[in-house]
Amino acid sequence: MIAKLRGIIDTIGEDYCVVDVNGVGYLVFASSKTLGRLSRGGTATLLTELVVREDSLTLFGFADAWEKEWFLTLTKVQGVGAKVCLSILSVLSPNQLAQAVSAQDKASFTRASGVGPKLAARIVTELKDKIVTIPMEATVKSDLTAAVEGEAATETEAYEDAMVEVQSAADDTKMEDAISALVNLGYQRIEAYRAVNLALKDNPEADVSALIKAALKEFATKEI
Protein backbone atom coordinates (compact mmCIF):
# COMPACT_ATOMS: atom_id res chain seq x y z
CA MET A 1 0.00 0.00 0.00
CA ILE A 2 1.32 3.44 -0.96
CA ALA A 3 -0.01 5.85 1.68
CA LYS A 4 2.04 8.97 0.93
CA LEU A 5 4.31 10.39 -1.74
CA ARG A 6 6.88 13.14 -1.36
CA GLY A 7 8.64 14.37 -4.45
CA ILE A 8 8.92 16.88 -7.26
CA ILE A 9 5.87 17.63 -9.38
CA ASP A 10 7.00 16.69 -12.88
CA THR A 11 3.72 17.10 -14.77
CA ILE A 12 0.25 18.48 -14.06
CA GLY A 13 -2.63 17.34 -16.29
CA GLU A 14 -6.36 17.92 -16.32
CA ASP A 15 -7.07 15.31 -13.66
CA TYR A 16 -3.64 13.97 -12.75
CA CYS A 17 -0.07 14.79 -11.89
CA VAL A 18 3.23 12.93 -12.11
CA VAL A 19 5.28 12.96 -8.91
CA ASP A 20 9.01 12.30 -9.34
CA VAL A 21 10.23 10.40 -6.29
CA ASN A 22 13.96 9.79 -6.54
CA GLY A 23 13.76 9.36 -10.30
CA VAL A 24 10.61 7.24 -10.32
CA GLY A 25 7.51 8.96 -11.75
CA TYR A 26 4.21 8.12 -10.07
CA LEU A 27 1.01 8.87 -11.99
CA VAL A 28 -1.44 10.24 -9.42
CA PHE A 29 -5.06 11.19 -10.15
CA ALA A 30 -6.41 14.05 -8.07
CA SER A 31 -9.20 16.59 -7.78
CA SER A 32 -8.85 19.96 -9.45
CA LYS A 33 -8.69 21.56 -5.99
CA THR A 34 -5.63 19.50 -5.08
CA LEU A 35 -4.02 19.98 -8.48
CA GLY A 36 -4.59 23.72 -8.22
CA ARG A 37 -2.36 23.81 -5.15
CA LEU A 38 0.56 22.19 -6.95
CA SER A 39 3.21 23.82 -9.12
CA ARG A 40 5.34 22.13 -11.73
CA GLY A 41 8.90 21.73 -10.47
CA GLY A 42 7.85 22.27 -6.87
CA THR A 43 8.19 19.78 -4.05
CA ALA A 44 5.00 18.43 -2.53
CA THR A 45 3.67 15.74 -0.24
CA LEU A 46 0.44 14.00 -1.17
CA LEU A 47 -1.58 11.54 0.85
CA THR A 48 -2.48 8.67 -1.47
CA GLU A 49 -4.88 5.77 -1.87
CA LEU A 50 -4.04 2.83 -4.11
CA VAL A 51 -7.16 1.41 -5.77
CA VAL A 52 -6.67 -2.17 -6.94
CA ARG A 53 -8.81 -3.56 -9.73
CA GLU A 54 -8.56 -6.84 -11.61
CA ASP A 55 -6.87 -5.14 -14.56
CA SER A 56 -5.34 -2.01 -13.02
CA LEU A 57 -3.57 -0.33 -10.13
CA THR A 58 -4.55 3.34 -9.82
CA LEU A 59 -3.10 5.87 -7.41
CA PHE A 60 -5.19 8.78 -6.14
CA GLY A 61 -3.71 11.76 -4.33
CA PHE A 62 -5.06 14.26 -1.80
CA ALA A 63 -3.87 17.56 -0.39
CA ASP A 64 -5.05 16.71 3.13
CA ALA A 65 -6.47 13.92 5.27
CA TRP A 66 -10.02 15.29 5.24
CA GLU A 67 -10.23 15.15 1.45
CA LYS A 68 -8.94 11.58 1.52
CA GLU A 69 -11.54 10.58 4.11
CA TRP A 70 -14.31 11.99 1.93
CA PHE A 71 -12.93 10.07 -1.05
CA LEU A 72 -13.05 6.82 0.92
CA THR A 73 -16.54 7.62 2.20
CA LEU A 74 -18.03 8.62 -1.15
CA THR A 75 -16.66 5.60 -2.99
CA LYS A 76 -18.65 3.37 -0.62
CA VAL A 77 -21.86 4.73 -2.11
CA GLN A 78 -23.21 2.54 -4.92
CA GLY A 79 -22.61 4.16 -8.28
CA VAL A 80 -19.84 6.48 -7.09
CA GLY A 81 -16.61 5.30 -8.67
CA ALA A 82 -13.21 6.80 -7.99
CA LYS A 83 -13.32 9.15 -11.00
CA VAL A 84 -16.82 10.39 -10.12
CA CYS A 85 -15.61 10.92 -6.57
CA LEU A 86 -12.77 13.13 -7.83
CA SER A 87 -15.30 15.08 -9.87
CA ILE A 88 -17.31 15.72 -6.70
CA LEU A 89 -14.20 16.73 -4.77
CA SER A 90 -13.32 19.12 -7.60
CA VAL A 91 -16.48 21.20 -7.10
CA LEU A 92 -17.12 20.76 -3.35
CA SER A 93 -14.59 21.20 -0.57
CA PRO A 94 -14.74 18.79 2.40
CA ASN A 95 -16.51 21.47 4.43
CA GLN A 96 -19.09 22.03 1.67
CA LEU A 97 -19.58 18.27 1.33
CA ALA A 98 -20.29 17.95 5.04
CA GLN A 99 -22.83 20.75 4.93
CA ALA A 100 -24.45 19.46 1.72
CA VAL A 101 -24.96 16.00 3.20
CA SER A 102 -26.27 17.39 6.49
CA ALA A 103 -28.65 19.72 4.66
CA GLN A 104 -29.67 16.94 2.21
CA ASP A 105 -28.75 19.34 -0.60
CA LYS A 106 -28.87 17.17 -3.74
CA ALA A 107 -28.40 20.12 -6.10
CA SER A 108 -24.84 20.74 -4.90
CA PHE A 109 -23.78 17.23 -5.93
CA THR A 110 -25.29 17.53 -9.41
CA ARG A 111 -22.74 20.26 -10.14
CA ALA A 112 -20.16 17.49 -10.45
CA SER A 113 -19.65 15.83 -13.81
CA GLY A 114 -21.19 12.35 -13.86
CA VAL A 115 -23.60 12.99 -11.00
CA GLY A 116 -27.27 13.12 -11.97
CA PRO A 117 -30.31 13.73 -9.74
CA LYS A 118 -30.79 10.03 -8.87
CA LEU A 119 -27.16 9.52 -7.86
CA ALA A 120 -27.14 12.79 -5.91
CA ALA A 121 -30.25 11.64 -4.02
CA ARG A 122 -28.59 8.31 -3.23
CA ILE A 123 -25.46 10.05 -1.92
CA VAL A 124 -27.25 12.35 0.51
CA THR A 125 -29.55 9.54 1.64
CA GLU A 126 -26.82 6.98 2.30
CA LEU A 127 -24.53 9.50 3.99
CA LYS A 128 -27.25 11.31 5.94
CA ASP A 129 -26.04 10.15 9.38
CA LYS A 130 -22.37 10.05 8.44
CA ILE A 131 -20.03 12.72 9.82
CA VAL A 132 -16.59 12.67 8.20
CA THR A 133 -13.80 14.07 10.34
CA ILE A 134 -10.07 14.39 9.88
CA PRO A 135 -8.28 11.34 11.31
CA MET A 136 -5.59 12.96 13.45
CA GLU A 137 -3.23 10.01 13.11
CA ALA A 138 -3.31 10.43 9.33
CA THR A 139 -2.53 14.15 9.33
CA VAL A 140 0.86 14.94 7.81
CA LYS A 141 2.95 18.06 7.42
CA SER A 142 2.36 18.98 3.80
CA ASP A 143 4.82 20.78 1.56
CA LEU A 144 2.03 22.24 -0.56
CA THR A 145 1.91 25.40 1.58
CA ALA A 146 1.29 26.29 5.19
CA ALA A 147 -1.90 27.96 4.00
CA VAL A 148 -3.28 24.65 2.77
CA GLU A 149 -3.02 23.19 6.27
CA GLY A 150 -4.57 26.35 7.67
CA GLU A 151 -7.52 26.08 5.27
CA ALA A 152 -8.20 22.49 6.28
CA ALA A 153 -8.14 23.35 9.99
CA THR A 154 -10.33 26.39 9.48
CA GLU A 155 -12.91 24.41 7.49
CA THR A 156 -13.03 21.71 10.17
CA GLU A 157 -13.56 24.25 12.93
CA ALA A 158 -16.19 26.11 10.91
CA TYR A 159 -18.18 22.95 10.30
CA GLU A 160 -17.95 21.73 13.90
CA ASP A 161 -18.88 25.18 15.22
CA ALA A 162 -22.01 25.18 13.05
CA MET A 163 -23.24 21.78 14.17
CA VAL A 164 -25.76 21.30 16.97
CA GLU A 165 -27.16 18.13 18.46
CA VAL A 166 -30.84 17.84 17.60
CA GLN A 167 -32.58 16.93 20.86
CA SER A 168 -36.03 16.05 19.53
CA ALA A 169 -38.22 15.67 16.48
CA ALA A 170 -39.63 19.11 17.27
CA ASP A 171 -36.15 20.64 16.96
CA ASP A 172 -35.66 18.87 13.65
CA THR A 173 -39.02 20.15 12.38
CA LYS A 174 -38.46 23.78 13.32
CA MET A 175 -34.97 23.68 11.82
CA GLU A 176 -36.35 22.37 8.53
CA ASP A 177 -39.16 24.96 8.55
CA ALA A 178 -36.66 27.78 9.10
CA ILE A 179 -34.32 26.46 6.40
CA SER A 180 -37.18 26.15 3.91
CA ALA A 181 -38.26 29.72 4.63
CA LEU A 182 -34.75 31.01 3.95
CA VAL A 183 -34.50 29.00 0.74
CA ASN A 184 -37.78 30.57 -0.39
CA LEU A 185 -36.19 33.95 0.25
CA GLY A 186 -33.45 33.10 -2.22
CA TYR A 187 -30.66 31.77 -0.03
CA GLN A 188 -28.74 28.61 -0.90
CA ARG A 189 -29.81 25.60 1.16
CA ILE A 190 -26.27 24.99 2.41
CA GLU A 191 -25.99 28.62 3.57
CA ALA A 192 -29.42 28.47 5.18
CA TYR A 193 -28.59 25.23 6.96
CA ARG A 194 -25.41 26.67 8.46
CA ALA A 195 -27.10 29.93 9.53
CA VAL A 196 -30.03 28.13 11.19
CA ASN A 197 -27.66 25.74 12.97
CA LEU A 198 -25.70 28.68 14.36
CA ALA A 199 -28.94 30.35 15.45
CA LEU A 200 -30.20 27.20 17.18
CA LYS A 201 -26.86 26.69 18.88
CA ASP A 202 -27.03 30.21 20.36
CA ASN A 203 -30.70 29.88 21.35
CA PRO A 204 -31.95 26.26 21.63
CA GLU A 205 -35.40 27.43 22.78
CA ALA A 206 -36.00 29.69 19.76
CA ASP A 207 -39.10 29.11 17.66
CA VAL A 208 -39.15 29.09 13.85
CA SER A 209 -39.69 32.85 13.58
CA ALA A 210 -36.80 33.59 15.94
CA LEU A 211 -34.51 31.19 14.10
CA ILE A 212 -35.27 32.89 10.78
CA LYS A 213 -34.58 36.35 12.23
CA ALA A 214 -31.31 35.18 13.82
CA ALA A 215 -30.23 33.49 10.57
CA LEU A 216 -30.95 36.67 8.60
CA LYS A 217 -28.77 38.60 11.06
CA GLU A 218 -26.02 36.08 10.44
CA PHE A 219 -26.30 36.68 6.68
CA ALA A 220 -26.27 40.45 7.21
CA THR A 221 -23.13 40.22 9.34
CA LYS A 222 -21.33 38.24 6.63
CA GLU A 223 -22.35 40.76 3.96
CA ILE A 224 -20.94 43.76 5.85
C-alpha atoms as a PDB file:
ATOM      1  CA  MET A   1       0.000   0.000   0.000  1.00  0.00           C
ATOM      2  CA  ILE A   2       1.322   3.442  -0.960  1.00  0.00           C
ATOM      3  CA  ALA A   3      -0.012   5.851   1.675  1.00  0.00           C
ATOM      4  CA  LYS A   4       2.044   8.973   0.932  1.00  0.00           C
ATOM      5  CA  LEU A   5       4.306  10.385  -1.742  1.00  0.00           C
ATOM      6  CA  ARG A   6       6.884  13.144  -1.364  1.00  0.00           C
ATOM      7  CA  GLY A   7       8.639  14.365  -4.453  1.00  0.00           C
ATOM      8  CA  ILE A   8       8.921  16.877  -7.264  1.00  0.00           C
ATOM      9  CA  ILE A   9       5.868  17.630  -9.383  1.00  0.00           C
ATOM     10  CA  ASP A  10       7.004  16.690 -12.875  1.00  0.00           C
ATOM     11  CA  THR A  11       3.720  17.100 -14.769  1.00  0.00           C
ATOM     12  CA  ILE A  12       0.251  18.476 -14.065  1.00  0.00           C
ATOM     13  CA  GLY A  13      -2.625  17.338 -16.293  1.00  0.00           C
ATOM     14  CA  GLU A  14      -6.360  17.918 -16.322  1.00  0.00           C
ATOM     15  CA  ASP A  15      -7.071  15.306 -13.658  1.00  0.00           C
ATOM     16  CA  TYR A  16      -3.642  13.966 -12.746  1.00  0.00           C
ATOM     17  CA  CYS A  17      -0.072  14.790 -11.894  1.00  0.00           C
ATOM     18  CA  VAL A  18       3.231  12.934 -12.108  1.00  0.00           C
ATOM     19  CA  VAL A  19       5.279  12.965  -8.914  1.00  0.00           C
ATOM     20  CA  ASP A  20       9.009  12.300  -9.341  1.00  0.00           C
ATOM     21  CA  VAL A  21      10.230  10.399  -6.292  1.00  0.00           C
ATOM     22  CA  ASN A  22      13.959   9.795  -6.537  1.00  0.00           C
ATOM     23  CA  GLY A  23      13.758   9.363 -10.303  1.00  0.00           C
ATOM     24  CA  VAL A  24      10.605   7.242 -10.320  1.00  0.00           C
ATOM     25  CA  GLY A  25       7.513   8.959 -11.752  1.00  0.00           C
ATOM     26  CA  TYR A  26       4.211   8.118 -10.068  1.00  0.00           C
ATOM     27  CA  LEU A  27       1.013   8.865 -11.987  1.00  0.00           C
ATOM     28  CA  VAL A  28      -1.442  10.236  -9.417  1.00  0.00           C
ATOM     29  CA  PHE A  29      -5.057  11.187 -10.147  1.00  0.00           C
ATOM     30  CA  ALA A  30      -6.411  14.048  -8.069  1.00  0.00           C
ATOM     31  CA  SER A  31      -9.204  16.593  -7.777  1.00  0.00           C
ATOM     32  CA  SER A  32      -8.848  19.961  -9.452  1.00  0.00           C
ATOM     33  CA  LYS A  33      -8.695  21.563  -5.993  1.00  0.00           C
ATOM     34  CA  THR A  34      -5.630  19.505  -5.083  1.00  0.00           C
ATOM     35  CA  LEU A  35      -4.019  19.979  -8.483  1.00  0.00           C
ATOM     36  CA  GLY A  36      -4.593  23.719  -8.215  1.00  0.00           C
ATOM     37  CA  ARG A  37      -2.357  23.810  -5.146  1.00  0.00           C
ATOM     38  CA  LEU A  38       0.560  22.186  -6.947  1.00  0.00           C
ATOM     39  CA  SER A  39       3.213  23.821  -9.124  1.00  0.00           C
ATOM     40  CA  ARG A  40       5.342  22.130 -11.726  1.00  0.00           C
ATOM     41  CA  GLY A  41       8.900  21.733 -10.470  1.00  0.00           C
ATOM     42  CA  GLY A  42       7.853  22.266  -6.872  1.00  0.00           C
ATOM     43  CA  THR A  43       8.190  19.781  -4.046  1.00  0.00           C
ATOM     44  CA  ALA A  44       5.000  18.429  -2.530  1.00  0.00           C
ATOM     45  CA  THR A  45       3.671  15.738  -0.237  1.00  0.00           C
ATOM     46  CA  LEU A  46       0.440  14.001  -1.170  1.00  0.00           C
ATOM     47  CA  LEU A  47      -1.584  11.537   0.847  1.00  0.00           C
ATOM     48  CA  THR A  48      -2.481   8.668  -1.468  1.00  0.00           C
ATOM     49  CA  GLU A  49      -4.884   5.772  -1.870  1.00  0.00           C
ATOM     50  CA  LEU A  50      -4.043   2.829  -4.113  1.00  0.00           C
ATOM     51  CA  VAL A  51      -7.160   1.408  -5.767  1.00  0.00           C
ATOM     52  CA  VAL A  52      -6.672  -2.167  -6.936  1.00  0.00           C
ATOM     53  CA  ARG A  53      -8.808  -3.560  -9.725  1.00  0.00           C
ATOM     54  CA  GLU A  54      -8.563  -6.835 -11.609  1.00  0.00           C
ATOM     55  CA  ASP A  55      -6.872  -5.141 -14.556  1.00  0.00           C
ATOM     56  CA  SER A  56      -5.339  -2.013 -13.024  1.00  0.00           C
ATOM     57  CA  LEU A  57      -3.568  -0.328 -10.132  1.00  0.00           C
ATOM     58  CA  THR A  58      -4.547   3.338  -9.816  1.00  0.00           C
ATOM     59  CA  LEU A  59      -3.099   5.866  -7.413  1.00  0.00           C
ATOM     60  CA  PHE A  60      -5.186   8.781  -6.145  1.00  0.00           C
ATOM     61  CA  GLY A  61      -3.709  11.759  -4.327  1.00  0.00           C
ATOM     62  CA  PHE A  62      -5.059  14.256  -1.797  1.00  0.00           C
ATOM     63  CA  ALA A  63      -3.872  17.556  -0.387  1.00  0.00           C
ATOM     64  CA  ASP A  64      -5.046  16.707   3.129  1.00  0.00           C
ATOM     65  CA  ALA A  65      -6.470  13.924   5.269  1.00  0.00           C
ATOM     66  CA  TRP A  66     -10.018  15.286   5.241  1.00  0.00           C
ATOM     67  CA  GLU A  67     -10.229  15.154   1.447  1.00  0.00           C
ATOM     68  CA  LYS A  68      -8.937  11.578   1.518  1.00  0.00           C
ATOM     69  CA  GLU A  69     -11.539  10.579   4.112  1.00  0.00           C
ATOM     70  CA  TRP A  70     -14.312  11.989   1.927  1.00  0.00           C
ATOM     71  CA  PHE A  71     -12.927  10.075  -1.049  1.00  0.00           C
ATOM     72  CA  LEU A  72     -13.054   6.824   0.920  1.00  0.00           C
ATOM     73  CA  THR A  73     -16.542   7.625   2.200  1.00  0.00           C
ATOM     74  CA  LEU A  74     -18.030   8.622  -1.153  1.00  0.00           C
ATOM     75  CA  THR A  75     -16.657   5.598  -2.986  1.00  0.00           C
ATOM     76  CA  LYS A  76     -18.647   3.365  -0.623  1.00  0.00           C
ATOM     77  CA  VAL A  77     -21.860   4.729  -2.114  1.00  0.00           C
ATOM     78  CA  GLN A  78     -23.207   2.541  -4.916  1.00  0.00           C
ATOM     79  CA  GLY A  79     -22.611   4.160  -8.280  1.00  0.00           C
ATOM     80  CA  VAL A  80     -19.839   6.479  -7.088  1.00  0.00           C
ATOM     81  CA  GLY A  81     -16.607   5.296  -8.671  1.00  0.00           C
ATOM     82  CA  ALA A  82     -13.210   6.803  -7.991  1.00  0.00           C
ATOM     83  CA  LYS A  83     -13.320   9.147 -10.999  1.00  0.00           C
ATOM     84  CA  VAL A  84     -16.825  10.392 -10.124  1.00  0.00           C
ATOM     85  CA  CYS A  85     -15.610  10.924  -6.574  1.00  0.00           C
ATOM     86  CA  LEU A  86     -12.775  13.134  -7.830  1.00  0.00           C
ATOM     87  CA  SER A  87     -15.298  15.075  -9.870  1.00  0.00           C
ATOM     88  CA  ILE A  88     -17.312  15.723  -6.703  1.00  0.00           C
ATOM     89  CA  LEU A  89     -14.199  16.729  -4.774  1.00  0.00           C
ATOM     90  CA  SER A  90     -13.316  19.117  -7.600  1.00  0.00           C
ATOM     91  CA  VAL A  91     -16.477  21.198  -7.098  1.00  0.00           C
ATOM     92  CA  LEU A  92     -17.119  20.761  -3.353  1.00  0.00           C
ATOM     93  CA  SER A  93     -14.594  21.201  -0.567  1.00  0.00           C
ATOM     94  CA  PRO A  94     -14.742  18.788   2.401  1.00  0.00           C
ATOM     95  CA  ASN A  95     -16.511  21.472   4.427  1.00  0.00           C
ATOM     96  CA  GLN A  96     -19.089  22.030   1.667  1.00  0.00           C
ATOM     97  CA  LEU A  97     -19.585  18.267   1.333  1.00  0.00           C
ATOM     98  CA  ALA A  98     -20.287  17.955   5.044  1.00  0.00           C
ATOM     99  CA  GLN A  99     -22.831  20.747   4.933  1.00  0.00           C
ATOM    100  CA  ALA A 100     -24.455  19.465   1.718  1.00  0.00           C
ATOM    101  CA  VAL A 101     -24.964  16.001   3.197  1.00  0.00           C
ATOM    102  CA  SER A 102     -26.266  17.392   6.486  1.00  0.00           C
ATOM    103  CA  ALA A 103     -28.655  19.722   4.655  1.00  0.00           C
ATOM    104  CA  GLN A 104     -29.669  16.938   2.213  1.00  0.00           C
ATOM    105  CA  ASP A 105     -28.750  19.342  -0.599  1.00  0.00           C
ATOM    106  CA  LYS A 106     -28.868  17.166  -3.735  1.00  0.00           C
ATOM    107  CA  ALA A 107     -28.397  20.121  -6.097  1.00  0.00           C
ATOM    108  CA  SER A 108     -24.837  20.743  -4.902  1.00  0.00           C
ATOM    109  CA  PHE A 109     -23.784  17.230  -5.930  1.00  0.00           C
ATOM    110  CA  THR A 110     -25.293  17.534  -9.405  1.00  0.00           C
ATOM    111  CA  ARG A 111     -22.740  20.261 -10.137  1.00  0.00           C
ATOM    112  CA  ALA A 112     -20.157  17.489 -10.449  1.00  0.00           C
ATOM    113  CA  SER A 113     -19.653  15.825 -13.811  1.00  0.00           C
ATOM    114  CA  GLY A 114     -21.188  12.348 -13.864  1.00  0.00           C
ATOM    115  CA  VAL A 115     -23.602  12.989 -11.000  1.00  0.00           C
ATOM    116  CA  GLY A 116     -27.274  13.116 -11.969  1.00  0.00           C
ATOM    117  CA  PRO A 117     -30.315  13.727  -9.738  1.00  0.00           C
ATOM    118  CA  LYS A 118     -30.786  10.034  -8.865  1.00  0.00           C
ATOM    119  CA  LEU A 119     -27.158   9.520  -7.859  1.00  0.00           C
ATOM    120  CA  ALA A 120     -27.137  12.791  -5.914  1.00  0.00           C
ATOM    121  CA  ALA A 121     -30.247  11.641  -4.016  1.00  0.00           C
ATOM    122  CA  ARG A 122     -28.594   8.313  -3.228  1.00  0.00           C
ATOM    123  CA  ILE A 123     -25.455  10.049  -1.923  1.00  0.00           C
ATOM    124  CA  VAL A 124     -27.245  12.352   0.510  1.00  0.00           C
ATOM    125  CA  THR A 125     -29.548   9.537   1.643  1.00  0.00           C
ATOM    126  CA  GLU A 126     -26.820   6.977   2.305  1.00  0.00           C
ATOM    127  CA  LEU A 127     -24.529   9.504   3.994  1.00  0.00           C
ATOM    128  CA  LYS A 128     -27.246  11.308   5.944  1.00  0.00           C
ATOM    129  CA  ASP A 129     -26.039  10.147   9.376  1.00  0.00           C
ATOM    130  CA  LYS A 130     -22.373  10.053   8.438  1.00  0.00           C
ATOM    131  CA  ILE A 131     -20.027  12.715   9.816  1.00  0.00           C
ATOM    132  CA  VAL A 132     -16.593  12.666   8.203  1.00  0.00           C
ATOM    133  CA  THR A 133     -13.798  14.069  10.342  1.00  0.00           C
ATOM    134  CA  ILE A 134     -10.065  14.386   9.882  1.00  0.00           C
ATOM    135  CA  PRO A 135      -8.277  11.335  11.313  1.00  0.00           C
ATOM    136  CA  MET A 136      -5.594  12.962  13.454  1.00  0.00           C
ATOM    137  CA  GLU A 137      -3.226  10.009  13.111  1.00  0.00           C
ATOM    138  CA  ALA A 138      -3.308  10.431   9.333  1.00  0.00           C
ATOM    139  CA  THR A 139      -2.525  14.152   9.331  1.00  0.00           C
ATOM    140  CA  VAL A 140       0.857  14.935   7.807  1.00  0.00           C
ATOM    141  CA  LYS A 141       2.946  18.059   7.422  1.00  0.00           C
ATOM    142  CA  SER A 142       2.359  18.979   3.800  1.00  0.00           C
ATOM    143  CA  ASP A 143       4.818  20.785   1.556  1.00  0.00           C
ATOM    144  CA  LEU A 144       2.033  22.239  -0.564  1.00  0.00           C
ATOM    145  CA  THR A 145       1.911  25.399   1.584  1.00  0.00           C
ATOM    146  CA  ALA A 146       1.293  26.292   5.192  1.00  0.00           C
ATOM    147  CA  ALA A 147      -1.904  27.964   4.000  1.00  0.00           C
ATOM    148  CA  VAL A 148      -3.284  24.647   2.769  1.00  0.00           C
ATOM    149  CA  GLU A 149      -3.025  23.194   6.268  1.00  0.00           C
ATOM    150  CA  GLY A 150      -4.575  26.350   7.665  1.00  0.00           C
ATOM    151  CA  GLU A 151      -7.519  26.082   5.266  1.00  0.00           C
ATOM    152  CA  ALA A 152      -8.199  22.486   6.275  1.00  0.00           C
ATOM    153  CA  ALA A 153      -8.136  23.345   9.987  1.00  0.00           C
ATOM    154  CA  THR A 154     -10.334  26.386   9.480  1.00  0.00           C
ATOM    155  CA  GLU A 155     -12.906  24.407   7.493  1.00  0.00           C
ATOM    156  CA  THR A 156     -13.034  21.710  10.166  1.00  0.00           C
ATOM    157  CA  GLU A 157     -13.561  24.253  12.935  1.00  0.00           C
ATOM    158  CA  ALA A 158     -16.193  26.113  10.908  1.00  0.00           C
ATOM    159  CA  TYR A 159     -18.178  22.947  10.301  1.00  0.00           C
ATOM    160  CA  GLU A 160     -17.945  21.726  13.895  1.00  0.00           C
ATOM    161  CA  ASP A 161     -18.880  25.176  15.220  1.00  0.00           C
ATOM    162  CA  ALA A 162     -22.011  25.183  13.049  1.00  0.00           C
ATOM    163  CA  MET A 163     -23.243  21.779  14.172  1.00  0.00           C
ATOM    164  CA  VAL A 164     -25.763  21.299  16.965  1.00  0.00           C
ATOM    165  CA  GLU A 165     -27.165  18.127  18.457  1.00  0.00           C
ATOM    166  CA  VAL A 166     -30.841  17.837  17.601  1.00  0.00           C
ATOM    167  CA  GLN A 167     -32.581  16.934  20.862  1.00  0.00           C
ATOM    168  CA  SER A 168     -36.034  16.052  19.534  1.00  0.00           C
ATOM    169  CA  ALA A 169     -38.224  15.665  16.480  1.00  0.00           C
ATOM    170  CA  ALA A 170     -39.631  19.113  17.273  1.00  0.00           C
ATOM    171  CA  ASP A 171     -36.148  20.639  16.960  1.00  0.00           C
ATOM    172  CA  ASP A 172     -35.664  18.869  13.651  1.00  0.00           C
ATOM    173  CA  THR A 173     -39.024  20.145  12.384  1.00  0.00           C
ATOM    174  CA  LYS A 174     -38.461  23.778  13.317  1.00  0.00           C
ATOM    175  CA  MET A 175     -34.966  23.678  11.823  1.00  0.00           C
ATOM    176  CA  GLU A 176     -36.348  22.373   8.528  1.00  0.00           C
ATOM    177  CA  ASP A 177     -39.158  24.957   8.546  1.00  0.00           C
ATOM    178  CA  ALA A 178     -36.659  27.781   9.102  1.00  0.00           C
ATOM    179  CA  ILE A 179     -34.321  26.461   6.405  1.00  0.00           C
ATOM    180  CA  SER A 180     -37.178  26.149   3.906  1.00  0.00           C
ATOM    181  CA  ALA A 181     -38.262  29.717   4.627  1.00  0.00           C
ATOM    182  CA  LEU A 182     -34.753  31.015   3.950  1.00  0.00           C
ATOM    183  CA  VAL A 183     -34.500  28.995   0.743  1.00  0.00           C
ATOM    184  CA  ASN A 184     -37.784  30.567  -0.386  1.00  0.00           C
ATOM    185  CA  LEU A 185     -36.190  33.952   0.251  1.00  0.00           C
ATOM    186  CA  GLY A 186     -33.454  33.102  -2.224  1.00  0.00           C
ATOM    187  CA  TYR A 187     -30.657  31.771  -0.027  1.00  0.00           C
ATOM    188  CA  GLN A 188     -28.743  28.613  -0.903  1.00  0.00           C
ATOM    189  CA  ARG A 189     -29.812  25.598   1.159  1.00  0.00           C
ATOM    190  CA  ILE A 190     -26.273  24.985   2.412  1.00  0.00           C
ATOM    191  CA  GLU A 191     -25.988  28.618   3.565  1.00  0.00           C
ATOM    192  CA  ALA A 192     -29.422  28.466   5.177  1.00  0.00           C
ATOM    193  CA  TYR A 193     -28.587  25.234   6.959  1.00  0.00           C
ATOM    194  CA  ARG A 194     -25.412  26.666   8.458  1.00  0.00           C
ATOM    195  CA  ALA A 195     -27.098  29.928   9.533  1.00  0.00           C
ATOM    196  CA  VAL A 196     -30.028  28.126  11.186  1.00  0.00           C
ATOM    197  CA  ASN A 197     -27.656  25.742  12.968  1.00  0.00           C
ATOM    198  CA  LEU A 198     -25.703  28.681  14.364  1.00  0.00           C
ATOM    199  CA  ALA A 199     -28.936  30.351  15.454  1.00  0.00           C
ATOM    200  CA  LEU A 200     -30.200  27.204  17.181  1.00  0.00           C
ATOM    201  CA  LYS A 201     -26.861  26.694  18.884  1.00  0.00           C
ATOM    202  CA  ASP A 202     -27.032  30.211  20.356  1.00  0.00           C
ATOM    203  CA  ASN A 203     -30.700  29.875  21.351  1.00  0.00           C
ATOM    204  CA  PRO A 204     -31.954  26.261  21.632  1.00  0.00           C
ATOM    205  CA  GLU A 205     -35.405  27.431  22.776  1.00  0.00           C
ATOM    206  CA  ALA A 206     -36.002  29.693  19.763  1.00  0.00           C
ATOM    207  CA  ASP A 207     -39.104  29.106  17.662  1.00  0.00           C
ATOM    208  CA  VAL A 208     -39.152  29.092  13.851  1.00  0.00           C
ATOM    209  CA  SER A 209     -39.689  32.851  13.580  1.00  0.00           C
ATOM    210  CA  ALA A 210     -36.796  33.590  15.944  1.00  0.00           C
ATOM    211  CA  LEU A 211     -34.507  31.189  14.097  1.00  0.00           C
ATOM    212  CA  ILE A 212     -35.272  32.888  10.785  1.00  0.00           C
ATOM    213  CA  LYS A 213     -34.578  36.346  12.232  1.00  0.00           C
ATOM    214  CA  ALA A 214     -31.308  35.184  13.816  1.00  0.00           C
ATOM    215  CA  ALA A 215     -30.228  33.495  10.572  1.00  0.00           C
ATOM    216  CA  LEU A 216     -30.945  36.673   8.605  1.00  0.00           C
ATOM    217  CA  LYS A 217     -28.768  38.604  11.062  1.00  0.00           C
ATOM    218  CA  GLU A 218     -26.020  36.077  10.442  1.00  0.00           C
ATOM    219  CA  PHE A 219     -26.300  36.678   6.680  1.00  0.00           C
ATOM    220  CA  ALA A 220     -26.269  40.446   7.209  1.00  0.00           C
ATOM    221  CA  THR A 221     -23.133  40.218   9.345  1.00  0.00           C
ATOM    222  CA  LYS A 222     -21.329  38.243   6.626  1.00  0.00           C
ATOM    223  CA  GLU A 223     -22.349  40.755   3.958  1.00  0.00           C
ATOM    224  CA  ILE A 224     -20.941  43.761   5.854  1.00  0.00           C
END
